[in-house]
């Protein structure tokens, strides 16, 4: 299925892009921008931003849409949080976004490393805000609490796909468990904003998109991102439909009517795209 013209992106080649890339290489850090082949990597690196990918670059799960390498992850780099903070300082980041591969091999799912990154960032970059995009930690309340207690401004957990296709695309995940996690963030009463996102184009129906928006609104999710699924390789789930910018505008309208504080919806939108702007817009609605 040929891509429509609105999905064309620029090839990264600017000096700013190379500076961000070289900084990350210098500190031995990964980004989900590169590992997941994000279509916005050129724009974000050019603007001096990136989403850090911690806990290695090998995921213990095999989601059928994701380009991140899956397999047997290796140990944990305990020095990674310190290098991440040094890189964030050098990049002069005012809004730091951190995600990870899923680490079902670890007792805490990697929650301790997330917390260490957040705590160090708050200590050494006190004016910067922190957003984390976390896995489901296999439903561990203890692991989730470890992240919550470290005090990020935003905790994101992506649903990724409408419920009828969830098992096919995320066979090791659980739709209801993910919704519970998002609800628990708000029930913690810590003032942390919750966020989630999903992609469309897998073969879902319009009413199923509405149902997912309804489910996220029901757990009091603050921020929402919706983007177009792009098949990374022939071995991944095939694209069934390309939604137009106008259709994404309708998704935005549906979500805002449900009370979300911030909605980013568009063909090239991903979960951390313009995250700082979404956060600031959401604060104004509080």
Protein backbone atom coordinates (compact mmCIF):
# COMPACT_ATOMS: atom_id res chain seq x y z
CA UNK A 1 0.00 0.00 0.00
CA UNK A 2 1.69 3.28 -1.11
CA UNK A 3 2.16 6.00 1.46
CA UNK A 4 0.15 9.20 0.98
CA UNK A 5 2.06 12.49 0.50
CA UNK A 6 1.39 13.74 4.04
CA UNK A 7 3.62 11.00 5.43
CA UNK A 8 6.77 12.18 3.66
CA UNK A 9 9.50 13.34 6.06
CA UNK A 10 12.82 15.11 5.63
CA UNK A 11 16.10 13.21 5.69
CA UNK A 12 18.13 14.18 8.79
CA UNK A 13 21.21 16.16 7.78
CA UNK A 14 21.46 19.34 9.86
CA UNK A 15 24.29 20.27 12.17
CA UNK A 16 21.88 20.31 15.12
CA UNK A 17 20.80 16.77 14.27
CA UNK A 18 24.40 15.55 14.21
CA UNK A 19 25.21 17.34 17.47
CA UNK A 20 22.39 15.57 19.33
CA UNK A 21 23.33 12.24 17.78
CA UNK A 22 27.00 12.68 18.69
CA UNK A 23 26.16 13.71 22.27
CA UNK A 24 24.12 10.55 22.74
CA UNK A 25 26.89 8.42 21.30
CA UNK A 26 29.46 10.10 23.54
CA UNK A 27 27.52 9.16 26.67
CA UNK A 28 26.67 5.66 25.43
CA UNK A 29 22.92 6.29 25.40
CA UNK A 30 20.12 5.04 23.17
CA UNK A 31 16.96 6.79 21.98
CA UNK A 32 13.62 5.33 21.05
CA UNK A 33 13.67 7.87 18.21
CA UNK A 34 16.31 5.80 16.44
CA UNK A 35 15.58 2.28 17.70
CA UNK A 36 11.87 2.47 16.80
CA UNK A 37 12.51 4.36 13.54
CA UNK A 38 10.36 7.31 14.58
CA UNK A 39 9.38 9.46 11.58
CA UNK A 40 10.06 12.62 13.59
CA UNK A 41 13.67 11.88 14.48
CA UNK A 42 15.00 14.54 12.09
CA UNK A 43 12.72 17.25 13.45
CA UNK A 44 13.26 16.42 17.12
CA UNK A 45 17.05 16.05 16.89
CA UNK A 46 17.18 19.30 14.90
CA UNK A 47 15.31 21.00 17.75
CA UNK A 48 17.77 19.56 20.28
CA UNK A 49 15.40 17.05 21.85
CA UNK A 50 15.32 13.27 22.10
CA UNK A 51 13.55 10.54 24.05
CA UNK A 52 16.06 8.53 26.05
CA UNK A 53 15.75 4.74 25.88
CA UNK A 54 17.07 3.17 29.08
CA UNK A 55 17.70 -0.42 30.21
CA UNK A 56 19.36 -1.42 26.94
CA UNK A 57 17.91 -1.74 23.47
CA UNK A 58 16.69 -5.34 23.55
CA UNK A 59 13.07 -5.86 24.59
CA UNK A 60 11.87 -9.01 26.34
CA UNK A 61 8.51 -8.82 24.50
CA UNK A 62 7.64 -9.18 20.84
CA UNK A 63 4.91 -6.73 19.82
CA UNK A 64 4.08 -7.19 16.16
CA UNK A 65 4.18 -3.49 15.25
CA UNK A 66 7.40 -2.49 17.02
CA UNK A 67 10.84 -2.15 15.41
CA UNK A 68 12.80 -2.29 18.69
CA UNK A 69 14.97 -5.42 18.82
CA UNK A 70 13.43 -8.24 20.84
CA UNK A 71 15.19 -11.15 22.48
CA UNK A 72 17.11 -11.87 25.68
CA UNK A 73 18.13 -8.58 27.35
CA UNK A 74 21.45 -8.35 29.13
CA UNK A 75 22.03 -7.07 32.70
CA UNK A 76 21.43 -3.57 33.99
CA UNK A 77 23.85 -0.66 33.61
CA UNK A 78 23.76 0.97 37.04
CA UNK A 79 25.74 3.97 35.76
CA UNK A 80 23.22 4.76 33.02
CA UNK A 81 21.20 7.28 35.11
CA UNK A 82 24.31 9.40 35.76
CA UNK A 83 25.26 9.44 32.07
CA UNK A 84 21.70 10.35 31.14
CA UNK A 85 21.78 13.35 33.48
CA UNK A 86 25.11 14.49 32.07
CA UNK A 87 23.73 14.26 28.55
CA UNK A 88 20.57 16.14 29.52
CA UNK A 89 22.74 18.88 31.03
CA UNK A 90 24.88 19.15 27.91
CA UNK A 91 21.76 19.29 25.73
CA UNK A 92 20.26 21.92 28.08
CA UNK A 93 16.98 20.07 28.25
CA UNK A 94 14.14 21.74 30.12
CA UNK A 95 11.80 18.82 29.52
CA UNK A 96 13.28 15.32 29.68
CA UNK A 97 11.44 12.30 28.28
CA UNK A 98 12.57 8.79 29.24
CA UNK A 99 11.27 5.43 28.11
CA UNK A 100 12.60 1.88 28.14
CA UNK A 101 12.38 -1.50 26.56
CA UNK A 102 10.20 -3.92 28.51
CA UNK A 103 12.32 -5.91 30.96
CA UNK A 104 10.21 -8.81 32.18
CA UNK A 105 13.49 -10.51 33.15
CA UNK A 106 14.01 -8.06 36.03
CA UNK A 107 12.22 -8.48 39.38
CA UNK A 108 11.09 -4.83 39.36
CA UNK A 109 10.75 -4.55 35.58
CA UNK A 110 13.35 -1.78 35.62
CA UNK A 111 11.37 0.55 37.92
CA UNK A 112 14.45 1.19 40.07
CA UNK A 113 16.45 2.55 37.14
CA UNK A 114 13.53 4.75 36.10
CA UNK A 115 13.36 6.13 39.64
CA UNK A 116 17.12 6.69 39.78
CA UNK A 117 17.00 8.70 36.54
CA UNK A 118 14.09 10.83 37.78
CA UNK A 119 15.64 11.51 41.18
CA UNK A 120 19.02 12.46 39.71
CA UNK A 121 17.41 14.75 37.15
CA UNK A 122 15.45 16.54 39.85
CA UNK A 123 18.59 16.90 41.94
CA UNK A 124 20.91 18.15 39.20
CA UNK A 125 18.43 19.85 36.84
CA UNK A 126 15.83 21.16 39.31
CA UNK A 127 14.22 23.46 36.75
CA UNK A 128 13.63 20.64 34.27
CA UNK A 129 10.45 18.61 34.13
CA UNK A 130 10.48 14.85 33.62
CA UNK A 131 8.10 12.64 31.67
CA UNK A 132 8.48 8.86 31.70
CA UNK A 133 6.91 6.35 29.33
CA UNK A 134 6.79 3.10 31.30
CA UNK A 135 5.97 -0.54 30.54
CA UNK A 136 3.22 -2.32 32.48
CA UNK A 137 5.65 -3.88 35.04
CA UNK A 138 3.44 -7.01 34.77
CA UNK A 139 0.94 -5.29 37.01
CA UNK A 140 3.31 -4.85 39.95
CA UNK A 141 1.96 -2.13 42.25
CA UNK A 142 5.30 -2.04 44.07
CA UNK A 143 7.18 -1.28 40.85
CA UNK A 144 4.68 1.39 39.82
CA UNK A 145 4.85 2.97 43.28
CA UNK A 146 8.64 3.17 43.01
CA UNK A 147 8.26 5.33 39.89
CA UNK A 148 5.43 7.38 41.37
CA UNK A 149 7.38 8.13 44.57
CA UNK A 150 10.34 9.44 42.54
CA UNK A 151 8.05 12.28 41.43
CA UNK A 152 7.99 12.67 37.64
CA UNK A 153 5.68 15.36 36.33
CA UNK A 154 4.08 12.97 33.81
CA UNK A 155 3.77 9.18 33.68
CA UNK A 156 2.87 7.83 30.26
CA UNK A 157 1.80 4.30 29.49
CA UNK A 158 0.74 3.63 25.93
CA UNK A 159 -2.25 1.45 25.05
CA UNK A 160 -0.89 1.34 21.46
CA UNK A 161 -3.87 -0.39 19.83
CA UNK A 162 -7.66 -0.68 20.04
CA UNK A 163 -8.99 -3.49 22.20
CA UNK A 164 -10.18 -5.98 19.51
CA UNK A 165 -6.64 -6.15 18.02
CA UNK A 166 -4.76 -5.86 21.29
CA UNK A 167 -4.04 -9.56 21.79
CA UNK A 168 -2.90 -10.07 18.19
CA UNK A 169 -0.50 -7.14 18.28
CA UNK A 170 0.55 -7.21 21.94
CA UNK A 171 0.31 -10.93 22.84
CA UNK A 172 2.28 -10.52 26.08
CA UNK A 173 0.31 -7.48 27.23
CA UNK A 174 -3.10 -7.10 28.86
CA UNK A 175 -5.55 -4.36 27.88
CA UNK A 176 -7.31 -4.14 31.24
CA UNK A 177 -4.04 -4.29 33.18
CA UNK A 178 -2.79 -1.27 31.22
CA UNK A 179 -5.96 0.66 31.96
CA UNK A 180 -5.63 -0.19 35.67
CA UNK A 181 -2.07 1.12 35.68
CA UNK A 182 -3.24 4.46 34.29
CA UNK A 183 -6.01 4.65 36.87
CA UNK A 184 -3.55 3.90 39.69
CA UNK A 185 -1.37 6.85 38.69
CA UNK A 186 -4.26 9.23 39.37
CA UNK A 187 -5.39 7.36 42.49
CA UNK A 188 -1.96 7.92 44.02
CA UNK A 189 -2.98 11.55 44.71
CA UNK A 190 0.57 12.70 43.99
CA UNK A 191 -0.48 15.28 41.42
CA UNK A 192 1.26 13.40 38.63
CA UNK A 193 -0.38 13.77 35.25
CA UNK A 194 -1.16 10.61 33.30
CA UNK A 195 -0.74 10.15 29.59
CA UNK A 196 -1.36 7.46 27.01
CA UNK A 197 -1.24 7.00 23.28
CA UNK A 198 -2.13 4.66 20.49
CA UNK A 199 -1.73 4.26 16.76
CA UNK A 200 -4.31 3.62 14.08
CA UNK A 201 -4.17 1.89 10.74
CA UNK A 202 -3.88 -1.70 11.99
CA UNK A 203 -7.38 -2.57 10.81
CA UNK A 204 -9.45 -1.17 13.67
CA UNK A 205 -12.92 0.29 13.07
CA UNK A 206 -13.88 3.89 13.86
CA UNK A 207 -16.17 2.83 16.71
CA UNK A 208 -13.25 0.89 18.21
CA UNK A 209 -11.13 4.06 18.18
CA UNK A 210 -13.95 5.85 19.99
CA UNK A 211 -14.19 3.01 22.49
CA UNK A 212 -10.47 3.28 23.30
CA UNK A 213 -10.77 7.05 23.78
CA UNK A 214 -13.76 6.41 26.08
CA UNK A 215 -11.79 3.83 28.09
CA UNK A 216 -8.89 6.24 28.60
CA UNK A 217 -11.23 9.06 29.59
CA UNK A 218 -12.88 6.72 32.12
CA UNK A 219 -9.55 6.28 33.97
CA UNK A 220 -9.07 10.07 34.07
CA UNK A 221 -6.13 10.12 31.64
CA UNK A 222 -4.88 13.70 31.18
CA UNK A 223 -2.98 13.62 27.89
CA UNK A 224 -3.51 11.61 24.71
CA UNK A 225 -1.49 11.05 21.54
CA UNK A 226 -2.82 9.39 18.37
CA UNK A 227 -0.66 8.63 15.34
CA UNK A 228 -0.59 6.66 12.11
CA UNK A 229 0.95 3.19 12.25
CA UNK A 230 3.79 2.76 9.75
CA UNK A 231 5.00 -0.77 9.05
CA UNK A 232 8.75 -0.86 9.90
CA UNK A 233 9.62 -3.96 7.84
CA UNK A 234 7.88 -6.67 5.83
CA UNK A 235 8.02 -8.90 8.91
CA UNK A 236 5.78 -6.56 10.91
CA UNK A 237 2.01 -6.18 10.97
CA UNK A 238 0.86 -4.70 7.64
CA UNK A 239 -0.79 -1.29 7.40
CA UNK A 240 -4.50 -1.69 6.65
CA UNK A 241 -5.45 1.95 6.25
CA UNK A 242 -3.86 5.41 6.07
CA UNK A 243 -5.95 8.01 7.85
CA UNK A 244 -6.03 11.55 6.47
CA UNK A 245 -5.10 14.66 8.48
CA UNK A 246 -8.79 15.53 8.46
CA UNK A 247 -9.68 12.22 10.09
CA UNK A 248 -7.06 12.82 12.76
CA UNK A 249 -8.75 16.16 13.35
CA UNK A 250 -11.94 14.25 14.10
CA UNK A 251 -10.09 12.07 16.59
CA UNK A 252 -8.87 15.23 18.32
CA UNK A 253 -12.42 16.52 18.51
CA UNK A 254 -13.70 13.26 20.02
CA UNK A 255 -10.96 13.26 22.67
CA UNK A 256 -11.36 16.90 23.65
CA UNK A 257 -15.10 16.36 24.05
CA UNK A 258 -14.22 13.65 26.58
CA UNK A 259 -12.24 16.07 28.72
CA UNK A 260 -8.58 15.37 27.96
CA UNK A 261 -6.34 18.27 28.96
CA UNK A 262 -4.10 17.84 25.94
CA UNK A 263 -4.46 15.94 22.68
CA UNK A 264 -1.87 15.50 19.93
CA UNK A 265 -3.38 13.69 16.97
CA UNK A 266 -1.88 13.51 13.48
CA UNK A 267 -0.30 11.15 10.96
CA UNK A 268 3.24 11.61 12.30
CA UNK A 269 2.41 12.07 15.98
CA UNK A 270 4.17 9.74 18.42
CA UNK A 271 3.91 9.53 22.21
CA UNK A 272 6.70 12.00 23.02
CA UNK A 273 6.17 14.33 20.05
CA UNK A 274 6.11 17.94 21.31
CA UNK A 275 5.65 16.53 24.81
CA UNK A 276 6.71 19.76 26.52
CA UNK A 277 4.17 21.82 24.58
CA UNK A 278 1.39 19.38 25.45
CA UNK A 279 2.35 19.54 29.12
CA UNK A 280 2.34 23.33 29.21
CA UNK A 281 -1.03 23.45 27.44
CA UNK A 282 -2.41 20.98 29.97
CA UNK A 283 -1.26 23.08 32.93
CA UNK A 284 -3.26 26.01 31.63
CA UNK A 285 -6.42 23.87 31.85
CA UNK A 286 -5.85 22.86 35.48
